Amino acid sequence: MIIIDRIEDGVAVLETEEDTFLQIPASQLPTGAREGSVLIYKDGEYLLDAQTEAARRDRLFRLQQMLLGED
């Protein structure tokens, strides 16, 4: 899993599963990509992984609810 950490000055900073950060030109990102988007790298290009992103956001939301006592 690759997550877009931030995009600034035409450069995207990506975080990998190994907690490694990569910098790539933002122009290499797929249309619709934004900070927090989950990507996969396949056949030399980055693609959005909407299903994994939705599951990740849901997991984080549930964790936040639990931590705030808002079950």
PDB file of N, CA and C in Angstrom:
ATOM      1  N   MET A   1       0.860  -1.182   0.000  1.00  0.00           N
ATOM      2  CA  MET A   1       0.000   0.000   0.000  1.00  0.00           C
ATOM      3  C   MET A   1       0.897   1.233   0.000  1.00  0.00           C
ATOM      4  N   ILE A   2       0.529   2.183  -0.787  1.00  0.00           N
ATOM      5  CA  ILE A   2       1.231   3.463  -0.878  1.00  0.00           C
ATOM      6  C   ILE A   2       0.204   4.550  -0.591  1.00  0.00           C
ATOM      7  N   ILE A   3       0.548   5.472   0.295  1.00  0.00           N
ATOM      8  CA  ILE A   3      -0.371   6.550   0.667  1.00  0.00           C
ATOM      9  C   ILE A   3       0.274   7.891   0.334  1.00  0.00           C
ATOM     10  N   ILE A   4      -0.517   8.780  -0.257  1.00  0.00           N
ATOM     11  CA  ILE A   4      -0.012  10.126  -0.538  1.00  0.00           C
ATOM     12  C   ILE A   4       0.000  10.895   0.773  1.00  0.00           C
ATOM     13  N   ASP A   5       1.189  11.207   1.244  1.00  0.00           N
ATOM     14  CA  ASP A   5       1.346  11.960   2.493  1.00  0.00           C
ATOM     15  C   ASP A   5       1.040  13.438   2.272  1.00  0.00           C
ATOM     16  N   ARG A   6       1.630  13.980   1.209  1.00  0.00           N
ATOM     17  CA  ARG A   6       1.379  15.401   0.910  1.00  0.00           C
ATOM     18  C   ARG A   6       1.801  15.698  -0.529  1.00  0.00           C
ATOM     19  N   ILE A   7       1.265  16.795  -1.027  1.00  0.00           N
ATOM     20  CA  ILE A   7       1.623  17.280  -2.356  1.00  0.00           C
ATOM     21  C   ILE A   7       1.945  18.756  -2.206  1.00  0.00           C
ATOM     22  N   GLU A   8       3.152  19.112  -2.575  1.00  0.00           N
ATOM     23  CA  GLU A   8       3.525  20.524  -2.483  1.00  0.00           C
ATOM     24  C   GLU A   8       4.559  20.872  -3.549  1.00  0.00           C
ATOM     25  N   ASP A   9       4.387  22.027  -4.129  1.00  0.00           N
ATOM     26  CA  ASP A   9       5.306  22.531  -5.160  1.00  0.00           C
ATOM     27  C   ASP A   9       5.540  21.523  -6.286  1.00  0.00           C
ATOM     28  N   GLY A  10       4.462  20.839  -6.701  1.00  0.00           N
ATOM     29  CA  GLY A  10       4.567  19.917  -7.814  1.00  0.00           C
ATOM     30  C   GLY A  10       5.218  18.579  -7.496  1.00  0.00           C
ATOM     31  N   VAL A  11       5.426  18.319  -6.200  1.00  0.00           N
ATOM     32  CA  VAL A  11       6.052  17.069  -5.777  1.00  0.00           C
ATOM     33  C   VAL A  11       5.105  16.344  -4.821  1.00  0.00           C
ATOM     34  N   ALA A  12       4.909  15.047  -5.074  1.00  0.00           N
ATOM     35  CA  ALA A  12       4.094  14.221  -4.189  1.00  0.00           C
ATOM     36  C   ALA A  12       5.025  13.399  -3.296  1.00  0.00           C
ATOM     37  N   VAL A  13       4.743  13.422  -2.004  1.00  0.00           N
ATOM     38  CA  VAL A  13       5.501  12.613  -1.049  1.00  0.00           C
ATOM     39  C   VAL A  13       4.630  11.414  -0.703  1.00  0.00           C
ATOM     40  N   LEU A  14       5.156  10.220  -0.997  1.00  0.00           N
ATOM     41  CA  LEU A  14       4.415   8.981  -0.806  1.00  0.00           C
ATOM     42  C   LEU A  14       5.016   8.193   0.348  1.00  0.00           C
ATOM     43  N   GLU A  15       4.144   7.588   1.158  1.00  0.00           N
ATOM     44  CA  GLU A  15       4.599   6.730   2.250  1.00  0.00           C
ATOM     45  C   GLU A  15       4.269   5.289   1.892  1.00  0.00           C
ATOM     46  N   THR A  16       5.253   4.424   2.019  1.00  0.00           N
ATOM     47  CA  THR A  16       5.062   3.016   1.704  1.00  0.00           C
ATOM     48  C   THR A  16       4.771   2.225   2.976  1.00  0.00           C
ATOM     49  N   GLU A  17       4.436   0.958   2.803  1.00  0.00           N
ATOM     50  CA  GLU A  17       4.155   0.088   3.945  1.00  0.00           C
ATOM     51  C   GLU A  17       5.368  -0.074   4.845  1.00  0.00           C
ATOM     52  N   GLU A  18       6.551   0.109   4.301  1.00  0.00           N
ATOM     53  CA  GLU A  18       7.779  -0.027   5.081  1.00  0.00           C
ATOM     54  C   GLU A  18       8.157   1.287   5.767  1.00  0.00           C
ATOM     55  N   ASP A  19       7.222   2.239   5.828  1.00  0.00           N
ATOM     56  CA  ASP A  19       7.460   3.563   6.405  1.00  0.00           C
ATOM     57  C   ASP A  19       8.595   4.306   5.702  1.00  0.00           C
ATOM     58  N   THR A  20       8.735   4.046   4.412  1.00  0.00           N
ATOM     59  CA  THR A  20       9.707   4.737   3.583  1.00  0.00           C
ATOM     60  C   THR A  20       8.970   5.837   2.826  1.00  0.00           C
ATOM     61  N   PHE A  21       9.616   6.960   2.660  1.00  0.00           N
ATOM     62  CA  PHE A  21       9.010   8.060   1.922  1.00  0.00           C
ATOM     63  C   PHE A  21       9.676   8.202   0.565  1.00  0.00           C
ATOM     64  N   LEU A  22       8.855   8.340  -0.461  1.00  0.00           N
ATOM     65  CA  LEU A  22       9.321   8.547  -1.829  1.00  0.00           C
ATOM     66  C   LEU A  22       8.827   9.893  -2.312  1.00  0.00           C
ATOM     67  N   GLN A  23       9.585  10.525  -3.158  1.00  0.00           N
ATOM     68  CA  GLN A  23       9.144  11.765  -3.789  1.00  0.00           C
ATOM     69  C   GLN A  23       9.052  11.525  -5.284  1.00  0.00           C
ATOM     70  N   ILE A  24       7.903  11.883  -5.855  1.00  0.00           N
ATOM     71  CA  ILE A  24       7.710  11.757  -7.299  1.00  0.00           C
ATOM     72  C   ILE A  24       7.060  13.043  -7.799  1.00  0.00           C
ATOM     73  N   PRO A  25       7.202  13.325  -9.081  1.00  0.00           N
ATOM     74  CA  PRO A  25       6.489  14.483  -9.632  1.00  0.00           C
ATOM     75  C   PRO A  25       4.975  14.265  -9.485  1.00  0.00           C
ATOM     76  N   ALA A  26       4.278  15.272  -9.039  1.00  0.00           N
ATOM     77  CA  ALA A  26       2.823  15.163  -8.871  1.00  0.00           C
ATOM     78  C   ALA A  26       2.142  14.831 -10.195  1.00  0.00           C
ATOM     79  N   SER A  27       2.779  15.141 -11.292  1.00  0.00           N
ATOM     80  CA  SER A  27       2.203  14.839 -12.603  1.00  0.00           C
ATOM     81  C   SER A  27       2.096  13.332 -12.854  1.00  0.00           C
ATOM     82  N   GLN A  28       2.795  12.521 -12.078  1.00  0.00           N
ATOM     83  CA  GLN A  28       2.720  11.066 -12.217  1.00  0.00           C
ATOM     84  C   GLN A  28       1.542  10.463 -11.451  1.00  0.00           C
ATOM     85  N   LEU A  29       0.853  11.279 -10.675  1.00  0.00           N
ATOM     86  CA  LEU A  29      -0.295  10.785  -9.915  1.00  0.00           C
ATOM     87  C   LEU A  29      -1.510  10.639 -10.839  1.00  0.00           C
ATOM     88  N   PRO A  30      -2.367   9.677 -10.523  1.00  0.00           N
ATOM     89  CA  PRO A  30      -3.573   9.522 -11.341  1.00  0.00           C
ATOM     90  C   PRO A  30      -4.557  10.665 -11.090  1.00  0.00           C
ATOM     91  N   THR A  31      -5.412  10.908 -12.040  1.00  0.00           N
ATOM     92  CA  THR A  31      -6.446  11.930 -11.901  1.00  0.00           C
ATOM     93  C   THR A  31      -7.291  11.630 -10.663  1.00  0.00           C
ATOM     94  N   GLY A  32      -7.541  12.650  -9.868  1.00  0.00           N
ATOM     95  CA  GLY A  32      -8.364  12.489  -8.673  1.00  0.00           C
ATOM     96  C   GLY A  32      -7.576  12.170  -7.412  1.00  0.00           C
ATOM     97  N   ALA A  33      -6.271  11.939  -7.545  1.00  0.00           N
ATOM     98  CA  ALA A  33      -5.446  11.636  -6.372  1.00  0.00           C
ATOM     99  C   ALA A  33      -5.307  12.891  -5.505  1.00  0.00           C
ATOM    100  N   ARG A  34      -5.294  12.666  -4.192  1.00  0.00           N
ATOM    101  CA  ARG A  34      -5.160  13.776  -3.244  1.00  0.00           C
ATOM    102  C   ARG A  34      -4.433  13.257  -2.011  1.00  0.00           C
ATOM    103  N   GLU A  35      -4.112  14.142  -1.096  1.00  0.00           N
ATOM    104  CA  GLU A  35      -3.470  13.724   0.148  1.00  0.00           C
ATOM    105  C   GLU A  35      -4.361  12.702   0.845  1.00  0.00           C
ATOM    106  N   GLY A  36      -3.756  11.589   1.257  1.00  0.00           N
ATOM    107  CA  GLY A  36      -4.504  10.520   1.898  1.00  0.00           C
ATOM    108  C   GLY A  36      -4.970   9.434   0.956  1.00  0.00           C
ATOM    109  N   SER A  37      -4.875   9.673  -0.344  1.00  0.00           N
ATOM    110  CA  SER A  37      -5.269   8.641  -1.313  1.00  0.00           C
ATOM    111  C   SER A  37      -4.348   7.435  -1.205  1.00  0.00           C
ATOM    112  N   VAL A  38      -4.927   6.268  -1.429  1.00  0.00           N
ATOM    113  CA  VAL A  38      -4.159   5.023  -1.437  1.00  0.00           C
ATOM    114  C   VAL A  38      -3.895   4.649  -2.891  1.00  0.00           C
ATOM    115  N   LEU A  39      -2.644   4.303  -3.163  1.00  0.00           N
ATOM    116  CA  LEU A  39      -2.230   3.972  -4.522  1.00  0.00           C
ATOM    117  C   LEU A  39      -1.645   2.567  -4.582  1.00  0.00           C
ATOM    118  N   ILE A  40      -1.646   2.038  -5.784  1.00  0.00           N
ATOM    119  CA  ILE A  40      -0.860   0.850  -6.076  1.00  0.00           C
ATOM    120  C   ILE A  40       0.011   1.203  -7.276  1.00  0.00           C
ATOM    121  N   TYR A  41       1.155   0.559  -7.359  1.00  0.00           N
ATOM    122  CA  TYR A  41       2.068   0.791  -8.476  1.00  0.00           C
ATOM    123  C   TYR A  41       2.052  -0.462  -9.328  1.00  0.00           C
ATOM    124  N   LYS A  42       1.609  -0.317 -10.568  1.00  0.00           N
ATOM    125  CA  LYS A  42       1.458  -1.473 -11.442  1.00  0.00           C
ATOM    126  C   LYS A  42       1.866  -1.095 -12.863  1.00  0.00           C
ATOM    127  N   ASP A  43       2.681  -1.911 -13.450  1.00  0.00           N
ATOM    128  CA  ASP A  43       3.117  -1.716 -14.832  1.00  0.00           C
ATOM    129  C   ASP A  43       3.672  -0.316 -15.086  1.00  0.00           C
ATOM    130  N   GLY A  44       4.436   0.194 -14.119  1.00  0.00           N
ATOM    131  CA  GLY A  44       5.103   1.479 -14.302  1.00  0.00           C
ATOM    132  C   GLY A  44       4.258   2.713 -14.066  1.00  0.00           C
ATOM    133  N   GLU A  45       3.058   2.536 -13.498  1.00  0.00           N
ATOM    134  CA  GLU A  45       2.230   3.710 -13.213  1.00  0.00           C
ATOM    135  C   GLU A  45       1.505   3.559 -11.885  1.00  0.00           C
ATOM    136  N   TYR A  46       1.148   4.690 -11.321  1.00  0.00           N
ATOM    137  CA  TYR A  46       0.399   4.717 -10.069  1.00  0.00           C
ATOM    138  C   TYR A  46      -1.091   4.731 -10.379  1.00  0.00           C
ATOM    139  N   LEU A  47      -1.840   3.911  -9.664  1.00  0.00           N
ATOM    140  CA  LEU A  47      -3.289   3.814  -9.829  1.00  0.00           C
ATOM    141  C   LEU A  47      -3.962   4.000  -8.477  1.00  0.00           C
ATOM    142  N   LEU A  48      -5.141   4.615  -8.481  1.00  0.00           N
ATOM    143  CA  LEU A  48      -5.907   4.749  -7.245  1.00  0.00           C
ATOM    144  C   LEU A  48      -6.431   3.383  -6.809  1.00  0.00           C
ATOM    145  N   ASP A  49      -6.390   3.132  -5.511  1.00  0.00           N
ATOM    146  CA  ASP A  49      -6.957   1.913  -4.935  1.00  0.00           C
ATOM    147  C   ASP A  49      -8.115   2.354  -4.040  1.00  0.00           C
ATOM    148  N   ALA A  50      -9.243   2.660  -4.658  1.00  0.00           N
ATOM    149  CA  ALA A  50     -10.392   3.230  -3.952  1.00  0.00           C
ATOM    150  C   ALA A  50     -10.947   2.285  -2.893  1.00  0.00           C
ATOM    151  N   GLN A  51     -10.937   0.993  -3.159  1.00  0.00           N
ATOM    152  CA  GLN A  51     -11.485   0.026  -2.209  1.00  0.00           C
ATOM    153  C   GLN A  51     -10.646  -0.008  -0.925  1.00  0.00           C
ATOM    154  N   THR A  52      -9.344  -0.073  -1.059  1.00  0.00           N
ATOM    155  CA  THR A  52      -8.473  -0.079   0.117  1.00  0.00           C
ATOM    156  C   THR A  52      -8.557   1.249   0.845  1.00  0.00           C
ATOM    157  N   GLU A  53      -8.654   2.341   0.102  1.00  0.00           N
ATOM    158  CA  GLU A  53      -8.762   3.663   0.729  1.00  0.00           C
ATOM    159  C   GLU A  53     -10.040   3.771   1.550  1.00  0.00           C
ATOM    160  N   ALA A  54     -11.158   3.303   1.011  1.00  0.00           N
ATOM    161  CA  ALA A  54     -12.429   3.360   1.740  1.00  0.00           C
ATOM    162  C   ALA A  54     -12.365   2.514   3.008  1.00  0.00           C
ATOM    163  N   ALA A  55     -11.785   1.330   2.925  1.00  0.00           N
ATOM    164  CA  ALA A  55     -11.660   0.463   4.098  1.00  0.00           C
ATOM    165  C   ALA A  55     -10.749   1.107   5.141  1.00  0.00           C
ATOM    166  N   ARG A  56      -9.674   1.741   4.702  1.00  0.00           N
ATOM    167  CA  ARG A  56      -8.746   2.410   5.618  1.00  0.00           C
ATOM    168  C   ARG A  56      -9.424   3.591   6.316  1.00  0.00           C
ATOM    169  N   ARG A  57     -10.144   4.393   5.546  1.00  0.00           N
ATOM    170  CA  ARG A  57     -10.838   5.541   6.146  1.00  0.00           C
ATOM    171  C   ARG A  57     -11.906   5.081   7.153  1.00  0.00           C
ATOM    172  N   ASP A  58     -12.615   3.990   6.826  1.00  0.00           N
ATOM    173  CA  ASP A  58     -13.618   3.452   7.737  1.00  0.00           C
ATOM    174  C   ASP A  58     -12.975   2.959   9.023  1.00  0.00           C
ATOM    175  N   ARG A  59     -11.852   2.251   8.890  1.00  0.00           N
ATOM    176  CA  ARG A  59     -11.125   1.755  10.062  1.00  0.00           C
ATOM    177  C   ARG A  59     -10.666   2.906  10.943  1.00  0.00           C
ATOM    178  N   LEU A  60     -10.122   3.962  10.335  1.00  0.00           N
ATOM    179  CA  LEU A  60      -9.655   5.114  11.095  1.00  0.00           C
ATOM    180  C   LEU A  60     -10.812   5.849  11.770  1.00  0.00           C
ATOM    181  N   PHE A  61     -11.945   5.936  11.078  1.00  0.00           N
ATOM    182  CA  PHE A  61     -13.125   6.584  11.657  1.00  0.00           C
ATOM    183  C   PHE A  61     -13.611   5.816  12.884  1.00  0.00           C
ATOM    184  N   ARG A  62     -13.684   4.471  12.763  1.00  0.00           N
ATOM    185  CA  ARG A  62     -14.134   3.651  13.887  1.00  0.00           C
ATOM    186  C   ARG A  62     -13.173   3.750  15.067  1.00  0.00           C
ATOM    187  N   LEU A  63     -11.875   3.795  14.794  1.00  0.00           N
ATOM    188  CA  LEU A  63     -10.887   3.948  15.855  1.00  0.00           C
ATOM    189  C   LEU A  63     -11.060   5.291  16.560  1.00  0.00           C
ATOM    190  N   GLN A  64     -11.289   6.343  15.781  1.00  0.00           N
ATOM    191  CA  GLN A  64     -11.507   7.665  16.356  1.00  0.00           C
ATOM    192  C   GLN A  64     -12.757   7.667  17.240  1.00  0.00           C
ATOM    193  N   GLN A  65     -13.823   7.050  16.776  1.00  0.00           N
ATOM    194  CA  GLN A  65     -15.054   6.976  17.553  1.00  0.00           C
ATOM    195  C   GLN A  65     -14.811   6.251  18.881  1.00  0.00           C
ATOM    196  N   MET A  66     -14.068   5.143  18.816  1.00  0.00           N
ATOM    197  CA  MET A  66     -13.777   4.368  20.013  1.00  0.00           C
ATOM    198  C   MET A  66     -12.930   5.182  20.998  1.00  0.00           C
ATOM    199  N   LEU A  67     -11.924   5.870  20.498  1.00  0.00           N
ATOM    200  CA  LEU A  67     -11.044   6.659  21.366  1.00  0.00           C
ATOM    201  C   LEU A  67     -11.774   7.822  22.019  1.00  0.00           C
ATOM    202  N   LEU A  68     -12.751   8.374  21.307  1.00  0.00           N
ATOM    203  CA  LEU A  68     -13.543   9.489  21.837  1.00  0.00           C
ATOM    204  C   LEU A  68     -14.737   9.025  22.665  1.00  0.00           C
ATOM    205  N   GLY A  69     -14.917   7.715  22.761  1.00  0.00           N
ATOM    206  CA  GLY A  69     -16.036   7.166  23.537  1.00  0.00           C
ATOM    207  C   GLY A  69     -17.375   7.399  22.887  1.00  0.00           C
ATOM    208  N   GLU A  70     -17.399   7.470  21.583  1.00  0.00           N
ATOM    209  CA  GLU A  70     -18.632   7.736  20.833  1.00  0.00           C
ATOM    210  C   GLU A  70     -19.114   6.475  20.126  1.00  0.00           C
ATOM    211  N   ASP A  71     -19.089   5.354  20.818  1.00  0.00           N
ATOM    212  CA  ASP A  71     -19.483   4.085  20.218  1.00  0.00           C
ATOM    213  C   ASP A  71     -20.796   4.267  19.605  1.00  0.00           C
TER     214      ASP A  71
END
